Amino acid sequence: MTNKNDFKEFLHSSEKEKLSPSEDLSHKILSQVRKDLIPSKPIVFGKLLLVQAFIGVITMLFCPQFSMSLTNHDQLYHFFHRTFGHYGCMMICGSLFIGSGALFSTTILNLAEIRLIKSSKFLSYLVLSGTFVMTFMLIGAEIYLDIALVWIFGATLSGSVFFQVSSILKRKILGIS
């Protein structure tokens, strides 16, 4: 503005005319902002599930889960089994399966969705781990309770930790504090 009077004139004109968007437009804008800032939990979990399913299939190319493999390459499984024992092996297998998906998931999710998952602490990855154990059971894996619990523990812990690390990296890369 080149003149102080222009600003005063602007203030007086806006007071007289009371310019505001229509009710419909205002409602649409508020709905979109609400949708962006408060994402739907089922949709976010669905995204997390799809990312994990995709990455999980990739991990099964080189690391079998509950003796199920896509390629019958089980050298990594045998290495873990010999080195860390049966329970250590299952914990590492769960960590690889769920943790790798957790690392990748923050590239797909937006910041509001990441914040929603972080607010649930371990619950999202506990449910995700349980879902995949049940899926393995449905497709024919022989799963015993002690092994499943160790696998779920490793998967939940690594999923939560890797998701936190990955979300911190995303914020650093985007330059958000």
N, C-alpha and C. Protein backbone atom coordinates (compact mmCIF):
# COMPACT_ATOMS: atom_id res chain seq x y z
N MET A 1 0.84 -1.17 0.00
CA MET A 1 0.00 0.00 0.00
C MET A 1 0.89 1.23 0.00
N THR A 2 0.53 2.10 -0.82
CA THR A 2 1.35 3.30 -0.95
C THR A 2 0.91 4.41 -0.02
N ASN A 3 -0.26 4.29 0.49
CA ASN A 3 -0.79 5.39 1.29
C ASN A 3 -1.47 4.82 2.53
N LYS A 4 -1.31 5.51 3.66
CA LYS A 4 -1.97 5.06 4.89
C LYS A 4 -3.49 5.13 4.76
N ASN A 5 -3.94 6.04 3.96
CA ASN A 5 -5.39 6.19 3.77
C ASN A 5 -5.97 4.97 3.03
N ASP A 6 -5.17 4.37 2.17
CA ASP A 6 -5.63 3.16 1.46
C ASP A 6 -5.96 2.06 2.45
N PHE A 7 -5.13 1.90 3.45
CA PHE A 7 -5.37 0.85 4.45
C PHE A 7 -6.64 1.16 5.25
N LYS A 8 -6.78 2.40 5.65
CA LYS A 8 -7.99 2.78 6.40
C LYS A 8 -9.23 2.59 5.54
N GLU A 9 -9.14 2.95 4.27
CA GLU A 9 -10.26 2.78 3.36
C GLU A 9 -10.61 1.29 3.21
N PHE A 10 -9.58 0.47 3.12
CA PHE A 10 -9.79 -0.98 3.02
C PHE A 10 -10.51 -1.51 4.26
N LEU A 11 -10.06 -1.09 5.44
CA LEU A 11 -10.71 -1.53 6.67
C LEU A 11 -12.17 -1.12 6.72
N HIS A 12 -12.46 0.11 6.34
CA HIS A 12 -13.84 0.60 6.39
C HIS A 12 -14.71 -0.10 5.35
N SER A 13 -14.16 -0.37 4.18
CA SER A 13 -14.96 -1.04 3.14
C SER A 13 -15.28 -2.48 3.53
N SER A 14 -14.32 -3.17 4.15
CA SER A 14 -14.59 -4.56 4.53
C SER A 14 -15.57 -4.64 5.68
N GLU A 15 -15.61 -3.60 6.53
CA GLU A 15 -16.58 -3.58 7.62
C GLU A 15 -17.99 -3.39 7.07
N LYS A 16 -18.12 -2.58 6.05
CA LYS A 16 -19.43 -2.30 5.48
C LYS A 16 -19.96 -3.50 4.71
N GLU A 17 -19.10 -4.12 3.93
CA GLU A 17 -19.55 -5.18 3.03
C GLU A 17 -19.60 -6.56 3.69
N LYS A 18 -18.82 -6.76 4.75
CA LYS A 18 -18.77 -8.04 5.48
C LYS A 18 -18.61 -9.20 4.49
N LEU A 19 -17.51 -9.18 3.78
CA LEU A 19 -17.23 -10.24 2.81
C LEU A 19 -16.88 -11.53 3.53
N SER A 20 -17.57 -12.60 3.18
CA SER A 20 -17.28 -13.91 3.75
C SER A 20 -17.71 -14.98 2.75
N PRO A 21 -17.08 -16.14 2.83
CA PRO A 21 -17.45 -17.21 1.89
C PRO A 21 -18.85 -17.75 2.22
N SER A 22 -19.42 -18.42 1.25
CA SER A 22 -20.75 -19.01 1.47
C SER A 22 -20.66 -20.11 2.53
N GLU A 23 -21.80 -20.44 3.10
CA GLU A 23 -21.85 -21.50 4.12
C GLU A 23 -21.34 -22.82 3.56
N ASP A 24 -21.74 -23.13 2.33
CA ASP A 24 -21.33 -24.39 1.71
C ASP A 24 -19.82 -24.45 1.52
N LEU A 25 -19.24 -23.37 1.01
CA LEU A 25 -17.79 -23.33 0.81
C LEU A 25 -17.06 -23.40 2.14
N SER A 26 -17.55 -22.68 3.12
CA SER A 26 -16.94 -22.70 4.45
C SER A 26 -16.98 -24.12 5.03
N HIS A 27 -18.10 -24.80 4.88
CA HIS A 27 -18.23 -26.18 5.38
C HIS A 27 -17.27 -27.13 4.66
N LYS A 28 -17.14 -26.97 3.33
CA LYS A 28 -16.23 -27.82 2.56
C LYS A 28 -14.78 -27.61 2.99
N ILE A 29 -14.41 -26.36 3.21
CA ILE A 29 -13.04 -26.05 3.63
C ILE A 29 -12.76 -26.65 5.00
N LEU A 30 -13.68 -26.46 5.94
CA LEU A 30 -13.49 -27.02 7.28
C LEU A 30 -13.45 -28.54 7.26
N SER A 31 -14.26 -29.16 6.43
CA SER A 31 -14.25 -30.63 6.32
C SER A 31 -12.91 -31.13 5.79
N GLN A 32 -12.38 -30.43 4.78
CA GLN A 32 -11.10 -30.84 4.20
C GLN A 32 -9.97 -30.66 5.20
N VAL A 33 -9.97 -29.55 5.93
CA VAL A 33 -8.94 -29.32 6.95
C VAL A 33 -9.03 -30.38 8.04
N ARG A 34 -10.25 -30.69 8.48
CA ARG A 34 -10.45 -31.71 9.51
C ARG A 34 -9.96 -33.08 9.01
N LYS A 35 -10.27 -33.39 7.75
CA LYS A 35 -9.84 -34.66 7.16
C LYS A 35 -8.31 -34.74 7.09
N ASP A 36 -7.67 -33.62 6.74
CA ASP A 36 -6.22 -33.59 6.63
C ASP A 36 -5.53 -33.67 7.99
N LEU A 37 -6.11 -33.04 9.00
CA LEU A 37 -5.47 -32.99 10.31
C LEU A 37 -5.84 -34.16 11.22
N ILE A 38 -7.02 -34.74 11.01
CA ILE A 38 -7.48 -35.86 11.84
C ILE A 38 -7.85 -37.02 10.91
N PRO A 39 -6.87 -37.81 10.49
CA PRO A 39 -7.16 -38.90 9.55
C PRO A 39 -7.98 -40.02 10.19
N SER A 40 -8.66 -40.76 9.35
CA SER A 40 -9.47 -41.89 9.80
C SER A 40 -8.58 -43.05 10.23
N LYS A 41 -8.82 -43.58 11.42
CA LYS A 41 -8.00 -44.69 11.93
C LYS A 41 -8.08 -45.93 11.04
N PRO A 42 -9.28 -46.34 10.59
CA PRO A 42 -9.33 -47.53 9.72
C PRO A 42 -8.58 -47.34 8.40
N ILE A 43 -8.65 -46.15 7.83
CA ILE A 43 -7.95 -45.90 6.57
C ILE A 43 -6.44 -45.94 6.79
N VAL A 44 -5.97 -45.32 7.86
CA VAL A 44 -4.53 -45.32 8.15
C VAL A 44 -4.05 -46.74 8.42
N PHE A 45 -4.81 -47.51 9.20
CA PHE A 45 -4.42 -48.90 9.46
C PHE A 45 -4.44 -49.72 8.17
N GLY A 46 -5.40 -49.45 7.30
CA GLY A 46 -5.45 -50.14 6.01
C GLY A 46 -4.22 -49.85 5.17
N LYS A 47 -3.79 -48.58 5.16
CA LYS A 47 -2.56 -48.23 4.43
C LYS A 47 -1.36 -48.97 5.02
N LEU A 48 -1.29 -48.96 6.35
CA LEU A 48 -0.19 -49.64 7.04
C LEU A 48 -0.20 -51.14 6.71
N LEU A 49 -1.37 -51.73 6.69
CA LEU A 49 -1.52 -53.15 6.37
C LEU A 49 -1.08 -53.46 4.94
N LEU A 50 -1.47 -52.61 3.99
CA LEU A 50 -1.09 -52.83 2.60
C LEU A 50 0.42 -52.68 2.39
N VAL A 51 1.00 -51.65 2.99
CA VAL A 51 2.45 -51.46 2.89
C VAL A 51 3.17 -52.67 3.48
N GLN A 52 2.71 -53.11 4.65
CA GLN A 52 3.34 -54.25 5.31
C GLN A 52 3.19 -55.52 4.50
N ALA A 53 2.03 -55.73 3.90
CA ALA A 53 1.82 -56.93 3.08
C ALA A 53 2.79 -56.94 1.90
N PHE A 54 2.95 -55.80 1.25
CA PHE A 54 3.86 -55.71 0.10
C PHE A 54 5.31 -55.96 0.53
N ILE A 55 5.76 -55.26 1.55
CA ILE A 55 7.13 -55.41 2.02
C ILE A 55 7.34 -56.80 2.63
N GLY A 56 6.32 -57.33 3.30
CA GLY A 56 6.41 -58.66 3.88
C GLY A 56 6.65 -59.74 2.84
N VAL A 57 5.97 -59.61 1.70
CA VAL A 57 6.18 -60.57 0.61
C VAL A 57 7.62 -60.48 0.12
N ILE A 58 8.14 -59.28 0.02
CA ILE A 58 9.53 -59.12 -0.42
C ILE A 58 10.49 -59.77 0.59
N THR A 59 10.24 -59.59 1.89
CA THR A 59 11.14 -60.20 2.88
C THR A 59 11.06 -61.72 2.84
N MET A 60 9.90 -62.25 2.45
CA MET A 60 9.77 -63.70 2.39
C MET A 60 10.53 -64.31 1.22
N LEU A 61 11.06 -63.49 0.33
CA LEU A 61 11.91 -64.00 -0.74
C LEU A 61 13.24 -64.51 -0.20
N PHE A 62 13.70 -63.93 0.91
CA PHE A 62 15.00 -64.34 1.45
C PHE A 62 14.93 -64.81 2.90
N CYS A 63 13.81 -64.61 3.59
CA CYS A 63 13.70 -65.02 4.99
C CYS A 63 12.34 -65.65 5.22
N PRO A 64 12.28 -66.97 5.36
CA PRO A 64 10.99 -67.63 5.56
C PRO A 64 10.36 -67.25 6.90
N GLN A 65 9.04 -67.27 6.94
CA GLN A 65 8.29 -66.98 8.16
C GLN A 65 7.50 -68.23 8.52
N PHE A 66 7.71 -68.76 9.71
CA PHE A 66 7.03 -69.97 10.18
C PHE A 66 7.16 -71.10 9.15
N SER A 67 8.37 -71.28 8.65
CA SER A 67 8.71 -72.30 7.65
C SER A 67 8.01 -72.09 6.32
N MET A 68 7.47 -70.92 6.08
CA MET A 68 6.85 -70.60 4.79
C MET A 68 7.77 -69.65 4.04
N SER A 69 8.09 -70.02 2.80
CA SER A 69 8.99 -69.21 2.00
C SER A 69 8.47 -69.15 0.58
N LEU A 70 8.79 -68.09 -0.11
CA LEU A 70 8.39 -67.97 -1.51
C LEU A 70 9.42 -68.57 -2.45
N THR A 71 10.66 -68.72 -1.98
CA THR A 71 11.73 -69.17 -2.87
C THR A 71 12.48 -70.39 -2.36
N ASN A 72 12.16 -70.88 -1.19
CA ASN A 72 12.88 -71.99 -0.55
C ASN A 72 14.34 -71.67 -0.28
N HIS A 73 14.67 -70.39 -0.18
CA HIS A 73 16.01 -69.98 0.24
C HIS A 73 15.95 -69.77 1.74
N ASP A 74 16.48 -70.72 2.48
CA ASP A 74 16.37 -70.61 3.93
C ASP A 74 17.74 -70.55 4.62
N GLN A 75 18.75 -70.10 3.89
CA GLN A 75 20.08 -69.98 4.49
C GLN A 75 20.09 -68.96 5.62
N LEU A 76 19.40 -67.84 5.42
CA LEU A 76 19.34 -66.81 6.45
C LEU A 76 18.64 -67.35 7.69
N TYR A 77 17.57 -68.09 7.50
CA TYR A 77 16.85 -68.71 8.62
C TYR A 77 17.78 -69.65 9.38
N HIS A 78 18.51 -70.49 8.66
CA HIS A 78 19.42 -71.43 9.32
C HIS A 78 20.55 -70.71 10.05
N PHE A 79 21.05 -69.63 9.46
CA PHE A 79 22.08 -68.85 10.13
C PHE A 79 21.56 -68.30 11.46
N PHE A 80 20.39 -67.67 11.43
CA PHE A 80 19.80 -67.13 12.66
C PHE A 80 19.52 -68.24 13.67
N HIS A 81 19.04 -69.37 13.18
CA HIS A 81 18.68 -70.48 14.07
C HIS A 81 19.92 -71.03 14.77
N ARG A 82 21.00 -71.22 14.02
CA ARG A 82 22.25 -71.73 14.61
C ARG A 82 22.87 -70.70 15.56
N THR A 83 22.83 -69.44 15.19
CA THR A 83 23.50 -68.39 15.95
C THR A 83 22.73 -67.97 17.21
N PHE A 84 21.41 -67.83 17.10
CA PHE A 84 20.62 -67.26 18.19
C PHE A 84 19.63 -68.24 18.82
N GLY A 85 19.57 -69.45 18.33
CA GLY A 85 18.62 -70.42 18.86
C GLY A 85 17.24 -70.23 18.25
N HIS A 86 16.33 -71.13 18.61
CA HIS A 86 15.01 -71.12 17.98
C HIS A 86 14.23 -69.85 18.31
N TYR A 87 14.21 -69.46 19.59
CA TYR A 87 13.44 -68.27 19.97
C TYR A 87 14.07 -66.99 19.43
N GLY A 88 15.38 -66.90 19.48
CA GLY A 88 16.07 -65.74 18.92
C GLY A 88 15.82 -65.61 17.43
N CYS A 89 15.83 -66.75 16.76
CA CYS A 89 15.56 -66.76 15.32
C CYS A 89 14.16 -66.24 15.03
N MET A 90 13.18 -66.71 15.78
CA MET A 90 11.80 -66.28 15.54
C MET A 90 11.62 -64.79 15.85
N MET A 91 12.32 -64.30 16.87
CA MET A 91 12.23 -62.88 17.20
C MET A 91 12.84 -62.05 16.06
N ILE A 92 13.96 -62.50 15.52
CA ILE A 92 14.60 -61.79 14.42
C ILE A 92 13.75 -61.86 13.16
N CYS A 93 13.14 -63.02 12.90
CA CYS A 93 12.27 -63.16 11.73
C CYS A 93 11.09 -62.20 11.81
N GLY A 94 10.46 -62.11 12.97
CA GLY A 94 9.36 -61.16 13.16
C GLY A 94 9.83 -59.72 13.00
N SER A 95 11.03 -59.45 13.51
CA SER A 95 11.60 -58.11 13.39
C SER A 95 11.85 -57.74 11.93
N LEU A 96 12.40 -58.67 11.17
CA LEU A 96 12.65 -58.40 9.75
C LEU A 96 11.34 -58.20 8.99
N PHE A 97 10.38 -59.05 9.27
CA PHE A 97 9.11 -59.00 8.54
C PHE A 97 8.36 -57.69 8.80
N ILE A 98 8.15 -57.35 10.06
CA ILE A 98 7.37 -56.16 10.40
C ILE A 98 8.25 -54.90 10.39
N GLY A 99 9.48 -55.00 10.88
CA GLY A 99 10.35 -53.83 10.95
C GLY A 99 10.66 -53.22 9.60
N SER A 100 10.86 -54.06 8.59
CA SER A 100 11.15 -53.53 7.25
C SER A 100 9.96 -52.77 6.70
N GLY A 101 8.76 -53.25 6.96
CA GLY A 101 7.56 -52.53 6.54
C GLY A 101 7.41 -51.21 7.28
N ALA A 102 7.77 -51.21 8.56
CA ALA A 102 7.68 -49.99 9.36
C ALA A 102 8.64 -48.92 8.83
N LEU A 103 9.83 -49.35 8.43
CA LEU A 103 10.79 -48.39 7.87
C LEU A 103 10.25 -47.75 6.59
N PHE A 104 9.60 -48.55 5.77
CA PHE A 104 9.11 -48.06 4.48
C PHE A 104 7.80 -47.28 4.61
N SER A 105 7.00 -47.58 5.62
CA SER A 105 5.65 -47.01 5.71
C SER A 105 5.62 -45.49 5.83
N THR A 106 6.62 -44.90 6.44
CA THR A 106 6.58 -43.44 6.60
C THR A 106 6.79 -42.71 5.27
N THR A 107 7.27 -43.41 4.25
CA THR A 107 7.37 -42.77 2.94
C THR A 107 6.00 -42.65 2.29
N ILE A 108 5.07 -43.51 2.67
CA ILE A 108 3.73 -43.51 2.09
C ILE A 108 2.77 -42.63 2.90
N LEU A 109 2.91 -42.65 4.21
CA LEU A 109 1.98 -41.94 5.09
C LEU A 109 2.33 -40.45 5.19
N ASN A 110 1.29 -39.61 5.35
CA ASN A 110 1.56 -38.19 5.56
C ASN A 110 1.80 -37.94 7.06
N LEU A 111 2.15 -36.71 7.40
CA LEU A 111 2.54 -36.41 8.79
C LEU A 111 1.40 -36.60 9.79
N ALA A 112 0.17 -36.29 9.40
CA ALA A 112 -0.96 -36.50 10.32
C ALA A 112 -1.19 -37.99 10.57
N GLU A 113 -1.02 -38.81 9.53
CA GLU A 113 -1.18 -40.25 9.69
C GLU A 113 -0.05 -40.83 10.53
N ILE A 114 1.15 -40.32 10.35
CA ILE A 114 2.28 -40.76 11.18
C ILE A 114 2.02 -40.40 12.64
N ARG A 115 1.53 -39.20 12.88
CA ARG A 115 1.23 -38.76 14.24
C ARG A 115 0.16 -39.66 14.87
N LEU A 116 -0.83 -40.08 14.09
CA LEU A 116 -1.88 -40.96 14.60
C LEU A 116 -1.30 -42.31 15.02
N ILE A 117 -0.42 -42.88 14.20
CA ILE A 117 0.19 -44.17 14.54
C ILE A 117 1.10 -44.03 15.75
N LYS A 118 1.87 -42.94 15.81
CA LYS A 118 2.75 -42.73 16.95
C LYS A 118 1.97 -42.56 18.25
N SER A 119 0.77 -42.01 18.16
CA SER A 119 -0.03 -41.81 19.38
C SER A 119 -0.53 -43.12 19.96
N SER A 120 -0.58 -44.17 19.14
CA SER A 120 -1.07 -45.46 19.63
C SER A 120 0.04 -46.29 20.26
N LYS A 121 1.26 -45.75 20.28
CA LYS A 121 2.43 -46.45 20.85
C LYS A 121 2.60 -47.82 20.19
N PHE A 122 2.54 -48.88 20.96
CA PHE A 122 2.78 -50.22 20.44
C PHE A 122 1.52 -50.87 19.84
N LEU A 123 0.36 -50.29 20.08
CA LEU A 123 -0.89 -50.96 19.72
C LEU A 123 -1.01 -51.24 18.22
N SER A 124 -0.66 -50.28 17.37
CA SER A 124 -0.77 -50.49 15.93
C SER A 124 0.06 -51.68 15.47
N TYR A 125 1.29 -51.76 15.96
CA TYR A 125 2.16 -52.85 15.52
C TYR A 125 1.84 -54.16 16.22
N LEU A 126 1.26 -54.11 17.40
CA LEU A 126 0.79 -55.34 18.04
C LEU A 126 -0.37 -55.94 17.24
N VAL A 127 -1.32 -55.10 16.85
CA VAL A 127 -2.45 -55.58 16.05
C VAL A 127 -1.97 -56.05 14.68
N LEU A 128 -1.06 -55.31 14.07
CA LEU A 128 -0.52 -55.70 12.77
C LEU A 128 0.20 -57.04 12.85
N SER A 129 1.00 -57.24 13.89
CA SER A 129 1.72 -58.51 14.07
C SER A 129 0.74 -59.65 14.27
N GLY A 130 -0.25 -59.45 15.11
CA GLY A 130 -1.26 -60.48 15.33
C GLY A 130 -2.03 -60.81 14.06
N THR A 131 -2.31 -59.79 13.27
CA THR A 131 -3.02 -60.00 12.00
C THR A 131 -2.20 -60.88 11.07
N PHE A 132 -0.90 -60.65 11.00
CA PHE A 132 -0.08 -61.46 10.10
C PHE A 132 0.14 -62.87 10.63
N VAL A 133 0.21 -63.04 11.93
CA VAL A 133 0.30 -64.41 12.48
C VAL A 133 -0.97 -65.18 12.12
N MET A 134 -2.13 -64.54 12.26
CA MET A 134 -3.38 -65.20 11.89
C MET A 134 -3.44 -65.49 10.39
N THR A 135 -2.91 -64.57 9.59
CA THR A 135 -2.87 -64.79 8.14
C THR A 135 -2.00 -65.99 7.80
N PHE A 136 -0.84 -66.08 8.44
CA PHE A 136 0.02 -67.25 8.21
C PHE A 136 -0.70 -68.54 8.61
N MET A 137 -1.45 -68.49 9.70
CA MET A 137 -2.19 -69.68 10.13
C MET A 137 -3.26 -70.04 9.10
N LEU A 138 -3.94 -69.04 8.56
CA LEU A 138 -5.00 -69.30 7.58
C LEU A 138 -4.46 -69.90 6.29
N ILE A 139 -3.23 -69.55 5.93
CA ILE A 139 -2.69 -70.12 4.68
C ILE A 139 -1.88 -71.38 4.92
N GLY A 140 -1.93 -71.90 6.14
CA GLY A 140 -1.40 -73.24 6.38
C GLY A 140 -0.15 -73.38 7.20
N ALA A 141 0.36 -72.32 7.78
CA ALA A 141 1.57 -72.44 8.60
C ALA A 141 1.23 -73.13 9.92
N GLU A 142 2.13 -73.99 10.36
CA GLU A 142 1.97 -74.62 11.68
C GLU A 142 2.62 -73.70 12.71
N ILE A 143 1.79 -73.10 13.53
CA ILE A 143 2.27 -72.10 14.48
C ILE A 143 1.90 -72.54 15.89
N TYR A 144 2.89 -72.55 16.76
CA TYR A 144 2.67 -72.89 18.16
C TYR A 144 2.68 -71.61 18.97
N LEU A 145 1.97 -71.63 20.09
CA LEU A 145 1.77 -70.42 20.89
C LEU A 145 3.08 -69.78 21.33
N ASP A 146 4.03 -70.56 21.83
CA ASP A 146 5.27 -69.96 22.32
C ASP A 146 6.05 -69.28 21.20
N ILE A 147 6.09 -69.92 20.05
CA ILE A 147 6.80 -69.35 18.90
C ILE A 147 6.08 -68.10 18.40
N ALA A 148 4.75 -68.16 18.35
CA ALA A 148 3.98 -67.01 17.89
C ALA A 148 4.18 -65.81 18.81
N LEU A 149 4.19 -66.05 20.12
CA LEU A 149 4.38 -64.95 21.06
C LEU A 149 5.75 -64.30 20.92
N VAL A 150 6.78 -65.12 20.72
CA VAL A 150 8.13 -64.58 20.53
C VAL A 150 8.19 -63.79 19.22
N TRP A 151 7.60 -64.33 18.16
CA TRP A 151 7.57 -63.65 16.86
C TRP A 151 6.83 -62.31 17.00
N ILE A 152 5.68 -62.33 17.66
CA ILE A 152 4.88 -61.10 17.84
C ILE A 152 5.65 -60.08 18.68
N PHE A 153 6.35 -60.54 19.72
CA PHE A 153 7.14 -59.63 20.54
C PHE A 153 8.21 -58.94 19.70
N GLY A 154 8.99 -59.72 18.94
CA GLY A 154 10.03 -59.13 18.09
C GLY A 154 9.45 -58.22 17.03
N ALA A 155 8.35 -58.64 16.43
CA ALA A 155 7.72 -57.84 15.38
C ALA A 155 7.17 -56.53 15.93
N THR A 156 6.49 -56.59 17.05
CA THR A 156 5.90 -55.39 17.64
C THR A 156 6.97 -54.41 18.09
N LEU A 157 7.98 -54.92 18.76
CA LEU A 157 9.06 -54.06 19.24
C LEU A 157 9.80 -53.40 18.08
N SER A 158 10.21 -54.19 17.10
CA SER A 158 10.97 -53.62 15.99
C SER A 158 10.09 -52.72 15.13
N GLY A 159 8.83 -53.09 14.93
CA GLY A 159 7.94 -52.23 14.16
C GLY A 159 7.79 -50.86 14.79
N SER A 160 7.58 -50.84 16.10
CA SER A 160 7.42 -49.57 16.81
C SER A 160 8.70 -48.74 16.79
N VAL A 161 9.82 -49.38 17.05
CA VAL A 161 11.10 -48.66 17.07
C VAL A 161 11.47 -48.16 15.67
N PHE A 162 11.37 -49.03 14.67
CA PHE A 162 11.74 -48.62 13.31
C PHE A 162 10.79 -47.54 12.77
N PHE A 163 9.52 -47.60 13.16
CA PHE A 163 8.58 -46.56 12.73
C PHE A 163 8.97 -45.22 13.35
N GLN A 164 9.35 -45.23 14.63
CA GLN A 164 9.78 -43.99 15.28
C GLN A 164 11.02 -43.41 14.59
N VAL A 165 12.00 -44.27 14.35
CA VAL A 165 13.24 -43.82 13.70
C VAL A 165 12.95 -43.29 12.30
N SER A 166 12.14 -44.01 11.55
CA SER A 166 11.82 -43.60 10.20
C SER A 166 11.04 -42.29 10.17
N SER A 167 10.14 -42.10 11.13
CA SER A 167 9.38 -40.84 11.16
C SER A 167 10.28 -39.67 11.55
N ILE A 168 11.24 -39.90 12.42
CA ILE A 168 12.20 -38.84 12.77
C ILE A 168 13.03 -38.47 11.54
N LEU A 169 13.48 -39.48 10.80
CA LEU A 169 14.25 -39.22 9.58
C LEU A 169 13.42 -38.44 8.56
N LYS A 170 12.15 -38.79 8.42
CA LYS A 170 11.28 -38.08 7.47
C LYS A 170 11.15 -36.62 7.87
N ARG A 171 10.97 -36.36 9.16
CA ARG A 171 10.84 -34.98 9.62
C ARG A 171 12.14 -34.20 9.39
N LYS A 172 13.28 -34.85 9.60
CA LYS A 172 14.58 -34.19 9.36
C LYS A 172 14.75 -33.88 7.88
N ILE A 173 14.40 -34.84 7.03
CA ILE A 173 14.54 -34.64 5.59
C ILE A 173 13.63 -33.51 5.10
N LEU A 174 12.41 -33.47 5.63
CA LEU A 174 11.46 -32.42 5.24
C LEU A 174 11.77 -31.08 5.91
N GLY A 175 12.66 -31.09 6.90
CA GLY A 175 13.03 -29.86 7.58
C GLY A 175 11.98 -29.39 8.58
N ILE A 176 11.26 -30.34 9.17
CA ILE A 176 10.22 -30.02 10.15
C ILE A 176 10.77 -30.35 11.53
N SER A 177 10.58 -29.43 12.49
CA SER A 177 11.09 -29.72 13.83
C SER A 177 10.11 -30.46 14.66
